[in-house]
Amino acid sequence: MKVVWSPLAERRALEAVDAIAKDRPHAAAAWLDELLVRVAALDRFAKRGRMVPEIARPEYRQVMHYPYRVIYRVDLKQVVILTIRHGRRAWNPAEVPPEQPGT
């Protein structure tokens, strides 16, 4: 299964790296490397994450990459990384777009 990043998820990942790098530049690079490995594994284990409690639909899942939530949707042929949210941030439903027909 193919893993695709949304523009929002890419932007949020880079924002997280920048935030971590302010205090710990080497930790930021390691965090990003680990994030990319964790997300890449979703091509084989797409349903390994738990359902997103705010949505409660099985196609919307999340894996934790401390202290961030990687929120994704499992479609027929791909895994779409929708957003990356700090665990302390309030939920924003606008960050998770509805499914596209035929995906």
Foldseek 3Di string as FASTA:
>chain_A
DAEAEDPQAVVQLVVVLVVVCVVPNVVSVVLSVVVVVVRVCCVPVVQPFDADVVVPDSQWGWDCSPQKIFIWGDDPNYIYRQHIGGVPDDDDCVSDDDDDPPD
